[in-house]
PDB file of all heavy atoms in Angstrom:
ATOM      1  N   HIS A   1      31.262  32.823  31.049  1.00  0.00           N
ATOM      2  CA  HIS A   1      31.577  31.908  29.954  1.00  0.00           C
ATOM      3  C   HIS A   1      31.235  30.472  30.319  1.00  0.00           C
ATOM      4  O   HIS A   1      30.652  29.730  29.512  1.00  0.00           O
ATOM      5  CB  HIS A   1      33.053  32.022  29.585  1.00  0.00           C
ATOM      6  CG  HIS A   1      33.379  33.263  28.832  1.00  0.00           C
ATOM      7  ND1 HIS A   1      34.667  33.568  28.406  1.00  0.00           N
ATOM      8  CD2 HIS A   1      32.615  34.295  28.413  1.00  0.00           C
ATOM      9  CE1 HIS A   1      34.659  34.722  27.763  1.00  0.00           C
ATOM     10  NE2 HIS A   1      33.427  35.186  27.762  1.00  0.00           N
ATOM     11  N   PHE A   2      31.588  30.064  31.528  1.00  0.00           N
ATOM     12  CA  PHE A   2      31.380  28.674  31.921  1.00  0.00           C
ATOM     13  C   PHE A   2      29.902  28.342  32.073  1.00  0.00           C
ATOM     14  O   PHE A   2      29.418  27.349  31.518  1.00  0.00           O
ATOM     15  CB  PHE A   2      32.118  28.395  33.234  1.00  0.00           C
ATOM     16  CG  PHE A   2      31.897  27.007  33.766  1.00  0.00           C
ATOM     17  CD1 PHE A   2      32.586  25.927  33.233  1.00  0.00           C
ATOM     18  CD2 PHE A   2      30.992  26.778  34.780  1.00  0.00           C
ATOM     19  CE1 PHE A   2      32.379  24.645  33.714  1.00  0.00           C
ATOM     20  CE2 PHE A   2      30.771  25.506  35.271  1.00  0.00           C
ATOM     21  CZ  PHE A   2      31.473  24.430  34.732  1.00  0.00           C
ATOM     22  N   LEU A   3      29.153  29.155  32.813  1.00  0.00           N
ATOM     23  CA  LEU A   3      27.767  28.823  33.104  1.00  0.00           C
ATOM     24  C   LEU A   3      26.863  28.968  31.885  1.00  0.00           C
ATOM     25  O   LEU A   3      25.836  28.293  31.796  1.00  0.00           O
ATOM     26  CB  LEU A   3      27.245  29.695  34.243  1.00  0.00           C
ATOM     27  CG  LEU A   3      27.881  29.449  35.609  1.00  0.00           C
ATOM     28  CD1 LEU A   3      27.270  30.358  36.653  1.00  0.00           C
ATOM     29  CD2 LEU A   3      27.717  27.983  36.025  1.00  0.00           C
ATOM     30  N   SER A   4      27.209  29.843  30.941  1.00  0.00           N
ATOM     31  CA  SER A   4      26.391  29.975  29.743  1.00  0.00           C
ATOM     32  C   SER A   4      26.407  28.702  28.909  1.00  0.00           C
ATOM     33  O   SER A   4      25.517  28.474  28.086  1.00  0.00           O
ATOM     34  CB  SER A   4      26.885  31.156  28.894  1.00  0.00           C
ATOM     35  OG  SER A   4      28.211  30.934  28.458  1.00  0.00           O
ATOM     36  N   ILE A   5      27.409  27.856  29.128  1.00  0.00           N
ATOM     37  CA  ILE A   5      27.479  26.557  28.460  1.00  0.00           C
ATOM     38  C   ILE A   5      27.011  25.452  29.394  1.00  0.00           C
ATOM     39  O   ILE A   5      26.251  24.556  29.007  1.00  0.00           O
ATOM     40  CB  ILE A   5      28.917  26.263  27.992  1.00  0.00           C
ATOM     41  CG1 ILE A   5      29.409  27.362  27.054  1.00  0.00           C
ATOM     42  CG2 ILE A   5      29.006  24.901  27.307  1.00  0.00           C
ATOM     43  CD1 ILE A   5      30.882  27.249  26.707  1.00  0.00           C
ATOM     44  N   HIS A   6      27.439  25.506  30.651  1.00  0.00           N
ATOM     45  CA  HIS A   6      27.168  24.430  31.604  1.00  0.00           C
ATOM     46  C   HIS A   6      25.683  24.240  31.883  1.00  0.00           C
ATOM     47  O   HIS A   6      25.165  23.113  31.864  1.00  0.00           O
ATOM     48  CB  HIS A   6      27.908  24.711  32.917  1.00  0.00           C
ATOM     49  CG  HIS A   6      27.486  23.830  34.053  1.00  0.00           C
ATOM     50  ND1 HIS A   6      26.470  24.199  34.919  1.00  0.00           N
ATOM     51  CD2 HIS A   6      27.915  22.613  34.461  1.00  0.00           C
ATOM     52  CE1 HIS A   6      26.303  23.251  35.811  1.00  0.00           C
ATOM     53  NE2 HIS A   6      27.165  22.278  35.563  1.00  0.00           N
ATOM     54  N   ASP A   7      24.957  25.327  32.135  1.00  0.00           N
ATOM     55  CA  ASP A   7      23.574  25.199  32.583  1.00  0.00           C
ATOM     56  C   ASP A   7      22.650  24.550  31.556  1.00  0.00           C
ATOM     57  O   ASP A   7      21.895  23.639  31.900  1.00  0.00           O
ATOM     58  CB  ASP A   7      23.038  26.572  32.999  1.00  0.00           C
ATOM     59  CG  ASP A   7      23.598  27.002  34.346  1.00  0.00           C
ATOM     60  OD1 ASP A   7      24.176  26.151  35.047  1.00  0.00           O
ATOM     61  OD2 ASP A   7      23.465  28.177  34.700  1.00  0.00           O
ATOM     62  N   PRO A   8      22.654  24.974  30.281  1.00  0.00           N
ATOM     63  CA  PRO A   8      21.767  24.292  29.320  1.00  0.00           C
ATOM     64  C   PRO A   8      22.092  22.822  29.146  1.00  0.00           C
ATOM     65  O   PRO A   8      21.188  21.990  29.023  1.00  0.00           O
ATOM     66  CB  PRO A   8      22.003  25.076  28.016  1.00  0.00           C
ATOM     67  CG  PRO A   8      22.512  26.407  28.451  1.00  0.00           C
ATOM     68  CD  PRO A   8      23.330  26.136  29.670  1.00  0.00           C
ATOM     69  N   ILE A   9      23.380  22.462  29.149  1.00  0.00           N
ATOM     70  CA  ILE A   9      23.761  21.061  28.965  1.00  0.00           C
ATOM     71  C   ILE A   9      23.416  20.249  30.207  1.00  0.00           C
ATOM     72  O   ILE A   9      22.860  19.142  30.117  1.00  0.00           O
ATOM     73  CB  ILE A   9      25.260  20.960  28.635  1.00  0.00           C
ATOM     74  CG1 ILE A   9      25.545  21.619  27.287  1.00  0.00           C
ATOM     75  CG2 ILE A   9      25.719  19.508  28.616  1.00  0.00           C
ATOM     76  CD1 ILE A   9      27.012  21.647  26.901  1.00  0.00           C
ATOM     77  N   ALA A  10      23.726  20.768  31.391  1.00  0.00           N
ATOM     78  CA  ALA A  10      23.453  20.037  32.623  1.00  0.00           C
ATOM     79  C   ALA A  10      21.965  19.812  32.829  1.00  0.00           C
ATOM     80  O   ALA A  10      21.530  18.727  33.245  1.00  0.00           O
ATOM     81  CB  ALA A  10      24.040  20.790  33.817  1.00  0.00           C
ATOM     82  N   ASN A  11      21.144  20.813  32.513  1.00  0.00           N
ATOM     83  CA  ASN A  11      19.713  20.671  32.703  1.00  0.00           C
ATOM     84  C   ASN A  11      19.074  19.745  31.683  1.00  0.00           C
ATOM     85  O   ASN A  11      18.037  19.135  31.956  1.00  0.00           O
ATOM     86  CB  ASN A  11      19.032  22.041  32.651  1.00  0.00           C
ATOM     87  CG  ASN A  11      19.178  22.793  33.955  1.00  0.00           C
ATOM     88  OD1 ASN A  11      18.366  22.665  34.849  1.00  0.00           O
ATOM     89  ND2 ASN A  11      20.234  23.575  34.070  1.00  0.00           N
ATOM     90  N   LEU A  12      19.675  19.624  30.510  1.00  0.00           N
ATOM     91  CA  LEU A  12      19.153  18.692  29.518  1.00  0.00           C
ATOM     92  C   LEU A  12      19.211  17.267  30.033  1.00  0.00           C
ATOM     93  O   LEU A  12      18.287  16.473  29.836  1.00  0.00           O
ATOM     94  CB  LEU A  12      19.956  18.804  28.214  1.00  0.00           C
ATOM     95  CG  LEU A  12      19.598  17.794  27.121  1.00  0.00           C
ATOM     96  CD1 LEU A  12      18.186  18.036  26.611  1.00  0.00           C
ATOM     97  CD2 LEU A  12      20.597  17.874  25.969  1.00  0.00           C
ATOM     98  N   PHE A  13      20.285  16.904  30.744  1.00  0.00           N
ATOM     99  CA  PHE A  13      20.471  15.551  31.235  1.00  0.00           C
ATOM    100  C   PHE A  13      19.951  15.351  32.661  1.00  0.00           C
ATOM    101  O   PHE A  13      20.097  14.269  33.224  1.00  0.00           O
ATOM    102  CB  PHE A  13      21.962  15.174  31.188  1.00  0.00           C
ATOM    103  CG  PHE A  13      22.477  14.991  29.790  1.00  0.00           C
ATOM    104  CD1 PHE A  13      23.095  16.039  29.135  1.00  0.00           C
ATOM    105  CD2 PHE A  13      22.337  13.784  29.139  1.00  0.00           C
ATOM    106  CE1 PHE A  13      23.574  15.882  27.849  1.00  0.00           C
ATOM    107  CE2 PHE A  13      22.811  13.615  27.854  1.00  0.00           C
ATOM    108  CZ  PHE A  13      23.433  14.661  27.197  1.00  0.00           C
ATOM    109  N   HIS A  14      19.367  16.372  33.258  1.00  0.00           N
ATOM    110  CA  HIS A  14      18.853  16.249  34.621  1.00  0.00           C
ATOM    111  C   HIS A  14      17.433  15.712  34.567  1.00  0.00           C
ATOM    112  O   HIS A  14      16.478  16.433  34.267  1.00  0.00           O
ATOM    113  CB  HIS A  14      18.879  17.599  35.327  1.00  0.00           C
ATOM    114  CG  HIS A  14      18.354  17.543  36.728  1.00  0.00           C
ATOM    115  ND1 HIS A  14      18.976  16.847  37.736  1.00  0.00           N
ATOM    116  CD2 HIS A  14      17.239  18.083  37.288  1.00  0.00           C
ATOM    117  CE1 HIS A  14      18.281  16.964  38.860  1.00  0.00           C
ATOM    118  NE2 HIS A  14      17.222  17.705  38.607  1.00  0.00           N
ATOM    119  N   LEU A  15      17.269  14.423  34.847  1.00  0.00           N
ATOM    120  CA  LEU A  15      15.963  13.771  34.829  1.00  0.00           C
ATOM    121  C   LEU A  15      15.612  13.307  36.249  1.00  0.00           C
ATOM    122  O   LEU A  15      16.339  12.522  36.841  1.00  0.00           O
ATOM    123  CB  LEU A  15      15.982  12.563  33.884  1.00  0.00           C
ATOM    124  CG  LEU A  15      16.315  12.867  32.427  1.00  0.00           C
ATOM    125  CD1 LEU A  15      16.439  11.570  31.647  1.00  0.00           C
ATOM    126  CD2 LEU A  15      15.257  13.765  31.809  1.00  0.00           C
ATOM    127  N   ARG A  16      14.516  13.788  36.779  1.00  0.00           N
ATOM    128  CA  ARG A  16      14.094  13.408  38.124  1.00  0.00           C
ATOM    129  C   ARG A  16      13.537  11.991  38.109  1.00  0.00           C
ATOM    130  O   ARG A  16      12.757  11.621  37.237  1.00  0.00           O
ATOM    131  CB  ARG A  16      13.048  14.392  38.633  1.00  0.00           C
ATOM    132  CG  ARG A  16      13.559  15.813  38.750  1.00  0.00           C
ATOM    133  CD  ARG A  16      12.518  16.712  39.374  1.00  0.00           C
ATOM    134  NE  ARG A  16      12.147  16.260  40.707  1.00  0.00           N
ATOM    135  CZ  ARG A  16      11.243  16.877  41.466  1.00  0.00           C
ATOM    136  NH1 ARG A  16      10.628  17.952  41.011  1.00  0.00           N
ATOM    137  NH2 ARG A  16      10.959  16.422  42.669  1.00  0.00           N
ATOM    138  N   ARG A  17      13.917  11.199  39.087  1.00  0.00           N
ATOM    139  CA  ARG A  17      13.517   9.799  39.124  1.00  0.00           C
ATOM    140  C   ARG A  17      12.386   9.529  40.115  1.00  0.00           C
ATOM    141  O   ARG A  17      11.871   8.427  40.173  1.00  0.00           O
ATOM    142  CB  ARG A  17      14.718   8.922  39.480  1.00  0.00           C
ATOM    143  CG  ARG A  17      15.885   9.083  38.540  1.00  0.00           C
ATOM    144  CD  ARG A  17      16.894   7.991  38.669  1.00  0.00           C
ATOM    145  NE  ARG A  17      16.359   6.698  38.285  1.00  0.00           N
ATOM    146  CZ  ARG A  17      17.119   5.627  38.048  1.00  0.00           C
ATOM    147  NH1 ARG A  17      18.431   5.716  38.148  1.00  0.00           N
ATOM    148  NH2 ARG A  17      16.573   4.484  37.712  1.00  0.00           N
ATOM    149  N   ASP A  18      12.016  10.524  40.908  1.00  0.00           N
ATOM    150  CA  ASP A  18      10.961  10.290  41.890  1.00  0.00           C
ATOM    151  C   ASP A  18       9.594  10.188  41.202  1.00  0.00           C
ATOM    152  O   ASP A  18       9.282  10.925  40.277  1.00  0.00           O
ATOM    153  CB  ASP A  18      10.939  11.409  42.935  1.00  0.00           C
ATOM    154  CG  ASP A  18      10.875  12.782  42.310  1.00  0.00           C
ATOM    155  OD1 ASP A  18      11.309  12.922  41.153  1.00  0.00           O
ATOM    156  OD2 ASP A  18      10.390  13.708  42.968  1.00  0.00           O
ATOM    157  N   HIS A  19       8.790   9.260  41.678  1.00  0.00           N
ATOM    158  CA  HIS A  19       7.432   9.037  41.163  1.00  0.00           C
ATOM    159  C   HIS A  19       7.438   8.742  39.663  1.00  0.00           C
ATOM    160  O   HIS A  19       6.519   9.130  38.944  1.00  0.00           O
ATOM    161  CB  HIS A  19       6.534  10.258  41.440  1.00  0.00           C
ATOM    162  CG  HIS A  19       6.521  10.685  42.868  1.00  0.00           C
ATOM    163  ND1 HIS A  19       6.007   9.896  43.884  1.00  0.00           N
ATOM    164  CD2 HIS A  19       6.981  11.807  43.475  1.00  0.00           C
ATOM    165  CE1 HIS A  19       6.129  10.523  45.038  1.00  0.00           C
ATOM    166  NE2 HIS A  19       6.732  11.674  44.826  1.00  0.00           N
ATOM    167  N   ARG A  20       8.436   8.042  39.204  1.00  0.00           N
ATOM    168  CA  ARG A  20       8.527   7.708  37.778  1.00  0.00           C
ATOM    169  C   ARG A  20       8.965   6.255  37.629  1.00  0.00           C
ATOM    170  O   ARG A  20       9.999   5.869  38.181  1.00  0.00           O
ATOM    171  CB  ARG A  20       9.515   8.636  37.066  1.00  0.00           C
ATOM    172  CG  ARG A  20       9.769   8.259  35.612  1.00  0.00           C
ATOM    173  CD  ARG A  20      10.790   9.161  34.959  1.00  0.00           C
ATOM    174  NE  ARG A  20      10.299  10.516  34.809  1.00  0.00           N
ATOM    175  CZ  ARG A  20      10.932  11.441  34.088  1.00  0.00           C
ATOM    176  NH1 ARG A  20      12.066  11.143  33.475  1.00  0.00           N
ATOM    177  NH2 ARG A  20      10.448  12.658  34.000  1.00  0.00           N
ATOM    178  N   PRO A  21       8.211   5.423  36.890  1.00  0.00           N
ATOM    179  CA  PRO A  21       8.638   4.035  36.669  1.00  0.00           C
ATOM    180  C   PRO A  21       9.966   3.988  35.926  1.00  0.00           C
ATOM    181  O   PRO A  21      10.310   4.903  35.168  1.00  0.00           O
ATOM    182  CB  PRO A  21       7.499   3.442  35.832  1.00  0.00           C
ATOM    183  CG  PRO A  21       6.338   4.360  36.053  1.00  0.00           C
ATOM    184  CD  PRO A  21       6.914   5.710  36.289  1.00  0.00           C
ATOM    185  N   VAL A  22      10.713   2.913  36.118  1.00  0.00           N
ATOM    186  CA  VAL A  22      12.025   2.813  35.498  1.00  0.00           C
ATOM    187  C   VAL A  22      11.918   2.795  33.985  1.00  0.00           C
ATOM    188  O   VAL A  22      12.798   3.324  33.276  1.00  0.00           O
ATOM    189  CB  VAL A  22      12.757   1.554  36.018  1.00  0.00           C
ATOM    190  CG1 VAL A  22      12.026   0.286  35.594  1.00  0.00           C
ATOM    191  CG2 VAL A  22      14.202   1.524  35.524  1.00  0.00           C
ATOM    192  N   ALA A  23      10.841   2.222  33.438  1.00  0.00           N
ATOM    193  CA  ALA A  23      10.680   2.196  31.983  1.00  0.00           C
ATOM    194  C   ALA A  23      10.520   3.607  31.431  1.00  0.00           C
ATOM    195  O   ALA A  23      11.097   3.957  30.389  1.00  0.00           O
ATOM    196  CB  ALA A  23       9.475   1.333  31.601  1.00  0.00           C
ATOM    197  N   ASP A  24       9.729   4.446  32.138  1.00  0.00           N
ATOM    198  CA  ASP A  24       9.553   5.832  31.689  1.00  0.00           C
ATOM    199  C   ASP A  24      10.856   6.608  31.808  1.00  0.00           C
ATOM    200  O   ASP A  24      11.173   7.453  30.962  1.00  0.00           O
ATOM    201  CB  ASP A  24       8.462   6.518  32.515  1.00  0.00           C
ATOM    202  CG  ASP A  24       7.096   5.919  32.259  1.00  0.00           C
ATOM    203  OD1 ASP A  24       6.951   5.179  31.266  1.00  0.00           O
ATOM    204  OD2 ASP A  24       6.174   6.185  33.066  1.00  0.00           O
ATOM    205  N   TYR A  25      11.609   6.336  32.875  1.00  0.00           N
ATOM    206  CA  TYR A  25      12.886   7.041  33.051  1.00  0.00           C
ATOM    207  C   TYR A  25      13.846   6.700  31.927  1.00  0.00           C
ATOM    208  O   TYR A  25      14.529   7.575  31.386  1.00  0.00           O
ATOM    209  CB  TYR A  25      13.492   6.676  34.405  1.00  0.00           C
ATOM    210  CG  TYR A  25      14.876   7.250  34.613  1.00  0.00           C
ATOM    211  CD1 TYR A  25      15.047   8.579  34.988  1.00  0.00           C
ATOM    212  CD2 TYR A  25      16.009   6.467  34.410  1.00  0.00           C
ATOM    213  CE1 TYR A  25      16.304   9.114  35.166  1.00  0.00           C
ATOM    214  CE2 TYR A  25      17.270   6.993  34.593  1.00  0.00           C
ATOM    215  CZ  TYR A  25      17.420   8.308  34.975  1.00  0.00           C
ATOM    216  OH  TYR A  25      18.681   8.831  35.140  1.00  0.00           O
ATOM    217  N   ARG A  26      13.921   5.424  31.555  1.00  0.00           N
ATOM    218  CA  ARG A  26      14.834   5.023  30.483  1.00  0.00           C
ATOM    219  C   ARG A  26      14.394   5.586  29.139  1.00  0.00           C
ATOM    220  O   ARG A  26      15.231   5.944  28.308  1.00  0.00           O
ATOM    221  CB  ARG A  26      14.920   3.499  30.432  1.00  0.00           C
ATOM    222  CG  ARG A  26      15.677   2.909  31.623  1.00  0.00           C
ATOM    223  CD  ARG A  26      15.579   1.409  31.672  1.00  0.00           C
ATOM    224  NE  ARG A  26      16.342   0.868  32.801  1.00  0.00           N
ATOM    225  CZ  ARG A  26      16.287  -0.391  33.204  1.00  0.00           C
ATOM    226  NH1 ARG A  26      15.503  -1.263  32.561  1.00  0.00           N
ATOM    227  NH2 ARG A  26      17.015  -0.797  34.234  1.00  0.00           N
ATOM    228  N   THR A  27      13.074   5.678  28.935  1.00  0.00           N
ATOM    229  CA  THR A  27      12.580   6.293  27.701  1.00  0.00           C
ATOM    230  C   THR A  27      12.963   7.766  27.638  1.00  0.00           C
ATOM    231  O   THR A  27      13.416   8.263  26.602  1.00  0.00           O
ATOM    232  CB  THR A  27      11.057   6.142  27.612  1.00  0.00           C
ATOM    233  OG1 THR A  27      10.718   4.750  27.622  1.00  0.00           O
ATOM    234  CG2 THR A  27      10.531   6.775  26.334  1.00  0.00           C
ATOM    235  N   ALA A  28      12.785   8.465  28.754  1.00  0.00           N
ATOM    236  CA  ALA A  28      13.161   9.884  28.799  1.00  0.00           C
ATOM    237  C   ALA A  28      14.660  10.060  28.614  1.00  0.00           C
ATOM    238  O   ALA A  28      15.108  10.993  27.947  1.00  0.00           O
ATOM    239  CB  ALA A  28      12.713  10.495  30.128  1.00  0.00           C
TER     240      ALA A  28
END
């Protein structure tokens, strides 16, 4: 029950910051 909700929501907000300008990160 928990992971069927947690994983899609957590991955939606997981944005990698490596090799990405801050402007692109904020846009994403």
